[in-house]
Amino acid sequence: MAYSKNNPSGQAIEAIINDLPSLVAVAVVDISSGMALASHSNSPNINPETAAAYNTEVVKQKQKAISALKLQGETIEDILITLTNQLHLIKLNANASKFIYLAVNSRETNLAIAREVLRAHVNTIN
């Protein structure tokens, strides 16, 4: 367990674990630094801190693409990456300073439920 219940990031992690106990990994990430502010993994194969750093680059590149395409008024709400056996979701907070990264088993977790859980908790990380 790499989180404290004494801050908003840790509280969000705990709430998400309670809502999706079979998740693979979860992290709250600061976009400017790429650092995980809080994280948890149920799998020895996934390091959420490493995932945080790489997914920060995914977010930054998509932000650059939106700018290059001059998509004014558009912001990233979430990013979905589907793997063979997993779903990886990235949900940005309102001011795009942080995001929640979530990995779940695609055969055990309903995508709509996972997205709703992130939507319900993303405002707590502002």
N, C-alpha and C. Protein backbone atom coordinates (compact mmCIF):
# COMPACT_ATOMS: atom_id res chain seq x y z
N MET A 1 0.84 -1.17 0.00
CA MET A 1 0.00 0.00 0.00
C MET A 1 0.89 1.24 0.00
N ALA A 2 0.78 2.06 -1.04
CA ALA A 2 1.59 3.26 -1.14
C ALA A 2 0.71 4.51 -1.11
N TYR A 3 -0.09 4.60 -0.04
CA TYR A 3 -0.91 5.78 0.09
C TYR A 3 -1.26 6.01 1.55
N SER A 4 -1.55 7.26 1.86
CA SER A 4 -1.97 7.65 3.20
C SER A 4 -3.42 8.07 3.12
N LYS A 5 -4.19 7.71 4.10
CA LYS A 5 -5.61 8.10 4.14
C LYS A 5 -5.79 9.53 4.61
N ASN A 6 -4.67 10.22 4.88
CA ASN A 6 -4.73 11.57 5.43
C ASN A 6 -4.70 12.67 4.38
N ASN A 7 -4.76 12.31 3.10
CA ASN A 7 -4.77 13.34 2.06
C ASN A 7 -5.79 12.95 0.99
N PRO A 8 -6.22 13.91 0.17
CA PRO A 8 -7.26 13.63 -0.83
C PRO A 8 -6.89 12.52 -1.81
N SER A 9 -5.62 12.44 -2.21
CA SER A 9 -5.21 11.40 -3.16
C SER A 9 -5.36 10.01 -2.55
N GLY A 10 -4.91 9.86 -1.31
CA GLY A 10 -5.04 8.58 -0.63
C GLY A 10 -6.48 8.21 -0.36
N GLN A 11 -7.29 9.20 -0.05
CA GLN A 11 -8.71 8.95 0.18
C GLN A 11 -9.40 8.49 -1.10
N ALA A 12 -9.00 9.08 -2.23
CA ALA A 12 -9.56 8.66 -3.52
C ALA A 12 -9.16 7.22 -3.83
N ILE A 13 -7.89 6.88 -3.59
CA ILE A 13 -7.42 5.50 -3.82
C ILE A 13 -8.23 4.53 -2.97
N GLU A 14 -8.39 4.84 -1.70
CA GLU A 14 -9.14 3.95 -0.81
C GLU A 14 -10.58 3.78 -1.28
N ALA A 15 -11.22 4.85 -1.70
CA ALA A 15 -12.60 4.77 -2.17
C ALA A 15 -12.71 3.93 -3.44
N ILE A 16 -11.76 4.09 -4.34
CA ILE A 16 -11.77 3.30 -5.59
C ILE A 16 -11.55 1.82 -5.29
N ILE A 17 -10.64 1.51 -4.37
CA ILE A 17 -10.41 0.12 -3.98
C ILE A 17 -11.69 -0.47 -3.38
N ASN A 18 -12.40 0.32 -2.59
CA ASN A 18 -13.66 -0.16 -2.00
C ASN A 18 -14.71 -0.42 -3.07
N ASP A 19 -14.74 0.42 -4.10
CA ASP A 19 -15.72 0.27 -5.18
C ASP A 19 -15.35 -0.81 -6.18
N LEU A 20 -14.04 -1.01 -6.41
CA LEU A 20 -13.55 -2.00 -7.37
C LEU A 20 -12.45 -2.85 -6.72
N PRO A 21 -12.80 -3.70 -5.76
CA PRO A 21 -11.77 -4.44 -5.02
C PRO A 21 -10.91 -5.37 -5.89
N SER A 22 -11.41 -5.76 -7.05
CA SER A 22 -10.63 -6.66 -7.91
C SER A 22 -9.76 -5.91 -8.92
N LEU A 23 -9.60 -4.59 -8.75
CA LEU A 23 -8.77 -3.83 -9.69
C LEU A 23 -7.35 -4.38 -9.73
N VAL A 24 -6.66 -4.10 -10.82
CA VAL A 24 -5.27 -4.54 -10.96
C VAL A 24 -4.35 -3.51 -10.32
N ALA A 25 -4.56 -2.23 -10.65
CA ALA A 25 -3.74 -1.16 -10.09
C ALA A 25 -4.48 0.17 -10.21
N VAL A 26 -4.09 1.10 -9.34
CA VAL A 26 -4.68 2.44 -9.36
C VAL A 26 -3.65 3.43 -8.83
N ALA A 27 -3.68 4.64 -9.39
CA ALA A 27 -2.78 5.70 -8.92
C ALA A 27 -3.40 7.06 -9.17
N VAL A 28 -3.10 7.99 -8.29
CA VAL A 28 -3.41 9.40 -8.52
C VAL A 28 -2.09 10.05 -8.91
N VAL A 29 -2.10 10.76 -10.04
CA VAL A 29 -0.85 11.23 -10.64
C VAL A 29 -0.87 12.74 -10.86
N ASP A 30 0.24 13.39 -10.53
CA ASP A 30 0.45 14.81 -10.81
C ASP A 30 0.99 14.93 -12.23
N ILE A 31 0.28 15.64 -13.09
CA ILE A 31 0.67 15.71 -14.51
C ILE A 31 1.96 16.48 -14.71
N SER A 32 2.20 17.53 -13.94
CA SER A 32 3.41 18.32 -14.17
C SER A 32 4.69 17.55 -13.88
N SER A 33 4.65 16.66 -12.90
CA SER A 33 5.86 15.91 -12.54
C SER A 33 5.85 14.46 -13.00
N GLY A 34 4.65 13.91 -13.24
CA GLY A 34 4.55 12.49 -13.59
C GLY A 34 4.65 11.57 -12.38
N MET A 35 4.64 12.16 -11.19
CA MET A 35 4.78 11.38 -9.96
C MET A 35 3.42 10.90 -9.46
N ALA A 36 3.41 9.67 -8.95
CA ALA A 36 2.21 9.15 -8.31
C ALA A 36 2.12 9.77 -6.91
N LEU A 37 1.01 10.40 -6.62
CA LEU A 37 0.78 10.99 -5.31
C LEU A 37 0.27 9.95 -4.32
N ALA A 38 -0.35 8.92 -4.87
CA ALA A 38 -0.84 7.78 -4.09
C ALA A 38 -1.06 6.65 -5.08
N SER A 39 -0.82 5.42 -4.63
CA SER A 39 -1.00 4.30 -5.56
C SER A 39 -1.24 3.01 -4.79
N HIS A 40 -1.75 2.02 -5.53
CA HIS A 40 -1.99 0.70 -4.97
C HIS A 40 -2.00 -0.30 -6.13
N SER A 41 -1.48 -1.49 -5.88
CA SER A 41 -1.51 -2.55 -6.89
C SER A 41 -1.89 -3.87 -6.24
N ASN A 42 -2.73 -4.62 -6.91
CA ASN A 42 -3.07 -5.98 -6.49
C ASN A 42 -2.27 -7.01 -7.29
N SER A 43 -1.38 -6.53 -8.13
CA SER A 43 -0.60 -7.42 -9.00
C SER A 43 0.89 -7.14 -8.83
N PRO A 44 1.68 -8.20 -8.64
CA PRO A 44 3.13 -7.99 -8.55
C PRO A 44 3.75 -7.58 -9.90
N ASN A 45 2.99 -7.74 -10.97
CA ASN A 45 3.50 -7.45 -12.32
C ASN A 45 3.32 -6.00 -12.73
N ILE A 46 2.51 -5.24 -12.02
CA ILE A 46 2.27 -3.84 -12.41
C ILE A 46 2.72 -2.92 -11.29
N ASN A 47 3.66 -2.05 -11.63
CA ASN A 47 4.13 -1.03 -10.71
C ASN A 47 3.38 0.26 -11.07
N PRO A 48 2.44 0.71 -10.23
CA PRO A 48 1.65 1.88 -10.59
C PRO A 48 2.47 3.17 -10.69
N GLU A 49 3.61 3.24 -9.99
CA GLU A 49 4.45 4.43 -10.10
C GLU A 49 5.09 4.52 -11.49
N THR A 50 5.51 3.39 -12.02
CA THR A 50 6.06 3.36 -13.38
C THR A 50 4.97 3.69 -14.39
N ALA A 51 3.80 3.09 -14.20
CA ALA A 51 2.67 3.37 -15.09
C ALA A 51 2.31 4.85 -15.05
N ALA A 52 2.40 5.46 -13.87
CA ALA A 52 2.09 6.88 -13.73
C ALA A 52 2.98 7.73 -14.62
N ALA A 53 4.27 7.45 -14.59
CA ALA A 53 5.22 8.24 -15.39
C ALA A 53 4.94 8.10 -16.88
N TYR A 54 4.74 6.88 -17.34
CA TYR A 54 4.49 6.68 -18.78
C TYR A 54 3.14 7.23 -19.21
N ASN A 55 2.12 7.07 -18.38
CA ASN A 55 0.80 7.58 -18.74
C ASN A 55 0.75 9.10 -18.70
N THR A 56 1.61 9.72 -17.91
CA THR A 56 1.72 11.18 -17.96
C THR A 56 2.15 11.62 -19.35
N GLU A 57 3.08 10.88 -19.94
CA GLU A 57 3.52 11.22 -21.30
C GLU A 57 2.40 11.03 -22.32
N VAL A 58 1.56 10.01 -22.12
CA VAL A 58 0.40 9.81 -23.00
C VAL A 58 -0.52 11.04 -22.92
N VAL A 59 -0.79 11.50 -21.72
CA VAL A 59 -1.66 12.66 -21.53
C VAL A 59 -1.04 13.90 -22.17
N LYS A 60 0.23 14.14 -21.92
CA LYS A 60 0.90 15.33 -22.47
C LYS A 60 0.91 15.30 -24.00
N GLN A 61 1.14 14.14 -24.58
CA GLN A 61 1.16 14.05 -26.05
C GLN A 61 -0.23 14.29 -26.63
N LYS A 62 -1.26 13.79 -25.98
CA LYS A 62 -2.62 14.04 -26.46
C LYS A 62 -2.97 15.51 -26.32
N GLN A 63 -2.52 16.16 -25.25
CA GLN A 63 -2.75 17.59 -25.11
C GLN A 63 -2.06 18.37 -26.23
N LYS A 64 -0.85 17.94 -26.59
CA LYS A 64 -0.14 18.57 -27.71
C LYS A 64 -0.88 18.37 -29.03
N ALA A 65 -1.42 17.19 -29.23
CA ALA A 65 -2.18 16.90 -30.45
C ALA A 65 -3.42 17.77 -30.54
N ILE A 66 -4.12 17.95 -29.43
CA ILE A 66 -5.31 18.80 -29.41
C ILE A 66 -4.92 20.23 -29.78
N SER A 67 -3.80 20.69 -29.25
CA SER A 67 -3.32 22.03 -29.56
C SER A 67 -2.91 22.14 -31.03
N ALA A 68 -2.18 21.15 -31.54
CA ALA A 68 -1.72 21.18 -32.94
C ALA A 68 -2.90 21.15 -33.91
N LEU A 69 -3.95 20.46 -33.53
CA LEU A 69 -5.13 20.37 -34.38
C LEU A 69 -6.07 21.57 -34.20
N LYS A 70 -5.68 22.47 -33.28
CA LYS A 70 -6.46 23.67 -33.00
C LYS A 70 -7.91 23.34 -32.63
N LEU A 71 -8.05 22.34 -31.78
CA LEU A 71 -9.38 21.93 -31.31
C LEU A 71 -9.75 22.79 -30.10
N GLN A 72 -10.07 24.03 -30.37
CA GLN A 72 -10.34 24.99 -29.32
C GLN A 72 -11.60 24.61 -28.54
N GLY A 73 -11.53 24.76 -27.24
CA GLY A 73 -12.65 24.43 -26.38
C GLY A 73 -12.72 22.96 -26.02
N GLU A 74 -11.81 22.16 -26.55
CA GLU A 74 -11.78 20.73 -26.26
C GLU A 74 -10.76 20.44 -25.17
N THR A 75 -11.13 19.59 -24.24
CA THR A 75 -10.21 19.13 -23.20
C THR A 75 -10.36 17.62 -23.06
N ILE A 76 -9.33 17.00 -22.56
CA ILE A 76 -9.38 15.56 -22.34
C ILE A 76 -10.20 15.28 -21.09
N GLU A 77 -11.19 14.43 -21.21
CA GLU A 77 -11.94 13.97 -20.04
C GLU A 77 -11.35 12.66 -19.55
N ASP A 78 -11.21 11.72 -20.47
CA ASP A 78 -10.58 10.46 -20.10
C ASP A 78 -9.95 9.81 -21.33
N ILE A 79 -9.08 8.86 -21.07
CA ILE A 79 -8.40 8.10 -22.11
C ILE A 79 -8.58 6.63 -21.77
N LEU A 80 -8.96 5.84 -22.76
CA LEU A 80 -9.13 4.40 -22.58
C LEU A 80 -8.12 3.67 -23.44
N ILE A 81 -7.39 2.76 -22.84
CA ILE A 81 -6.45 1.91 -23.56
C ILE A 81 -6.88 0.47 -23.32
N THR A 82 -7.21 -0.23 -24.38
CA THR A 82 -7.65 -1.62 -24.25
C THR A 82 -6.50 -2.54 -24.63
N LEU A 83 -6.20 -3.45 -23.73
CA LEU A 83 -5.18 -4.48 -23.96
C LEU A 83 -5.90 -5.82 -24.13
N THR A 84 -5.16 -6.85 -24.38
CA THR A 84 -5.76 -8.16 -24.58
C THR A 84 -6.62 -8.58 -23.39
N ASN A 85 -6.12 -8.40 -22.18
CA ASN A 85 -6.82 -8.86 -20.98
C ASN A 85 -7.11 -7.76 -19.98
N GLN A 86 -6.73 -6.53 -20.29
CA GLN A 86 -6.90 -5.45 -19.32
C GLN A 86 -7.46 -4.21 -19.99
N LEU A 87 -8.10 -3.38 -19.17
CA LEU A 87 -8.51 -2.04 -19.56
C LEU A 87 -7.72 -1.07 -18.71
N HIS A 88 -7.12 -0.07 -19.34
CA HIS A 88 -6.40 0.98 -18.61
C HIS A 88 -7.14 2.28 -18.88
N LEU A 89 -7.56 2.93 -17.81
CA LEU A 89 -8.30 4.18 -17.92
C LEU A 89 -7.53 5.31 -17.26
N ILE A 90 -7.57 6.46 -17.88
CA ILE A 90 -6.96 7.67 -17.35
C ILE A 90 -8.06 8.72 -17.29
N LYS A 91 -8.37 9.20 -16.10
CA LYS A 91 -9.43 10.20 -15.91
C LYS A 91 -8.82 11.46 -15.33
N LEU A 92 -8.88 12.56 -16.08
CA LEU A 92 -8.31 13.83 -15.65
C LEU A 92 -9.27 14.58 -14.75
N ASN A 93 -8.70 15.35 -13.80
CA ASN A 93 -9.53 16.21 -12.97
C ASN A 93 -9.92 17.45 -13.77
N ALA A 94 -10.77 18.30 -13.19
CA ALA A 94 -11.36 19.42 -13.92
C ALA A 94 -10.34 20.39 -14.48
N ASN A 95 -9.25 20.66 -13.75
CA ASN A 95 -8.27 21.62 -14.25
C ASN A 95 -7.06 20.96 -14.92
N ALA A 96 -7.16 19.67 -15.18
CA ALA A 96 -6.13 18.90 -15.90
C ALA A 96 -4.76 18.99 -15.24
N SER A 97 -4.74 19.05 -13.91
CA SER A 97 -3.47 19.07 -13.20
C SER A 97 -3.10 17.68 -12.66
N LYS A 98 -4.10 16.82 -12.53
CA LYS A 98 -3.90 15.47 -12.01
C LYS A 98 -4.80 14.51 -12.77
N PHE A 99 -4.48 13.22 -12.65
CA PHE A 99 -5.38 12.22 -13.19
C PHE A 99 -5.35 10.97 -12.33
N ILE A 100 -6.41 10.19 -12.48
CA ILE A 100 -6.47 8.88 -11.86
C ILE A 100 -6.19 7.85 -12.94
N TYR A 101 -5.25 6.97 -12.67
CA TYR A 101 -4.93 5.86 -13.57
C TYR A 101 -5.52 4.60 -12.95
N LEU A 102 -6.24 3.83 -13.74
CA LEU A 102 -6.85 2.61 -13.25
C LEU A 102 -6.63 1.49 -14.26
N ALA A 103 -6.18 0.35 -13.78
CA ALA A 103 -6.06 -0.85 -14.61
C ALA A 103 -6.95 -1.93 -14.01
N VAL A 104 -7.78 -2.54 -14.86
CA VAL A 104 -8.67 -3.61 -14.42
C VAL A 104 -8.61 -4.76 -15.41
N ASN A 105 -9.01 -5.94 -14.96
CA ASN A 105 -9.11 -7.10 -15.83
C ASN A 105 -10.37 -6.93 -16.68
N SER A 106 -10.22 -6.99 -17.99
CA SER A 106 -11.35 -6.72 -18.89
C SER A 106 -12.43 -7.80 -18.82
N ARG A 107 -12.09 -8.97 -18.34
CA ARG A 107 -13.08 -10.05 -18.25
C ARG A 107 -13.84 -10.03 -16.93
N GLU A 108 -13.33 -9.28 -15.94
CA GLU A 108 -13.94 -9.25 -14.62
C GLU A 108 -14.61 -7.93 -14.30
N THR A 109 -14.33 -6.88 -15.05
CA THR A 109 -14.84 -5.55 -14.73
C THR A 109 -15.57 -4.96 -15.93
N ASN A 110 -16.74 -4.45 -15.67
CA ASN A 110 -17.54 -3.78 -16.68
C ASN A 110 -16.96 -2.39 -16.92
N LEU A 111 -16.71 -2.05 -18.17
CA LEU A 111 -16.12 -0.75 -18.50
C LEU A 111 -16.97 0.41 -18.00
N ALA A 112 -18.27 0.33 -18.17
CA ALA A 112 -19.15 1.43 -17.73
C ALA A 112 -19.06 1.63 -16.22
N ILE A 113 -18.97 0.55 -15.48
CA ILE A 113 -18.86 0.67 -14.02
C ILE A 113 -17.52 1.29 -13.65
N ALA A 114 -16.44 0.85 -14.29
CA ALA A 114 -15.12 1.40 -14.00
C ALA A 114 -15.08 2.90 -14.29
N ARG A 115 -15.65 3.31 -15.41
CA ARG A 115 -15.68 4.73 -15.75
C ARG A 115 -16.51 5.53 -14.75
N GLU A 116 -17.62 4.97 -14.31
CA GLU A 116 -18.47 5.64 -13.33
C GLU A 116 -17.75 5.79 -11.99
N VAL A 117 -17.02 4.78 -11.58
CA VAL A 117 -16.25 4.86 -10.33
C VAL A 117 -15.23 5.99 -10.43
N LEU A 118 -14.52 6.09 -11.54
CA LEU A 118 -13.55 7.18 -11.69
C LEU A 118 -14.24 8.53 -11.70
N ARG A 119 -15.35 8.63 -12.42
CA ARG A 119 -16.08 9.89 -12.48
C ARG A 119 -16.54 10.31 -11.08
N ALA A 120 -16.96 9.35 -10.28
CA ALA A 120 -17.46 9.65 -8.94
C ALA A 120 -16.36 10.14 -8.01
N HIS A 121 -15.12 9.77 -8.26
CA HIS A 121 -14.04 10.09 -7.32
C HIS A 121 -13.02 11.11 -7.84
N VAL A 122 -13.09 11.48 -9.09
CA VAL A 122 -12.06 12.37 -9.65
C VAL A 122 -12.08 13.76 -9.01
N ASN A 123 -13.23 14.23 -8.59
CA ASN A 123 -13.30 15.57 -8.00
C ASN A 123 -12.64 15.64 -6.63
N THR A 124 -12.43 14.50 -5.99
CA THR A 124 -11.81 14.51 -4.66
C THR A 124 -10.31 14.77 -4.74
N ILE A 125 -9.71 14.67 -5.93
CA ILE A 125 -8.26 14.87 -6.06
C ILE A 125 -7.89 16.29 -6.43
N ASN A 126 -8.87 17.18 -6.59
CA ASN A 126 -8.56 18.57 -6.96
C ASN A 126 -7.81 19.21 -5.88
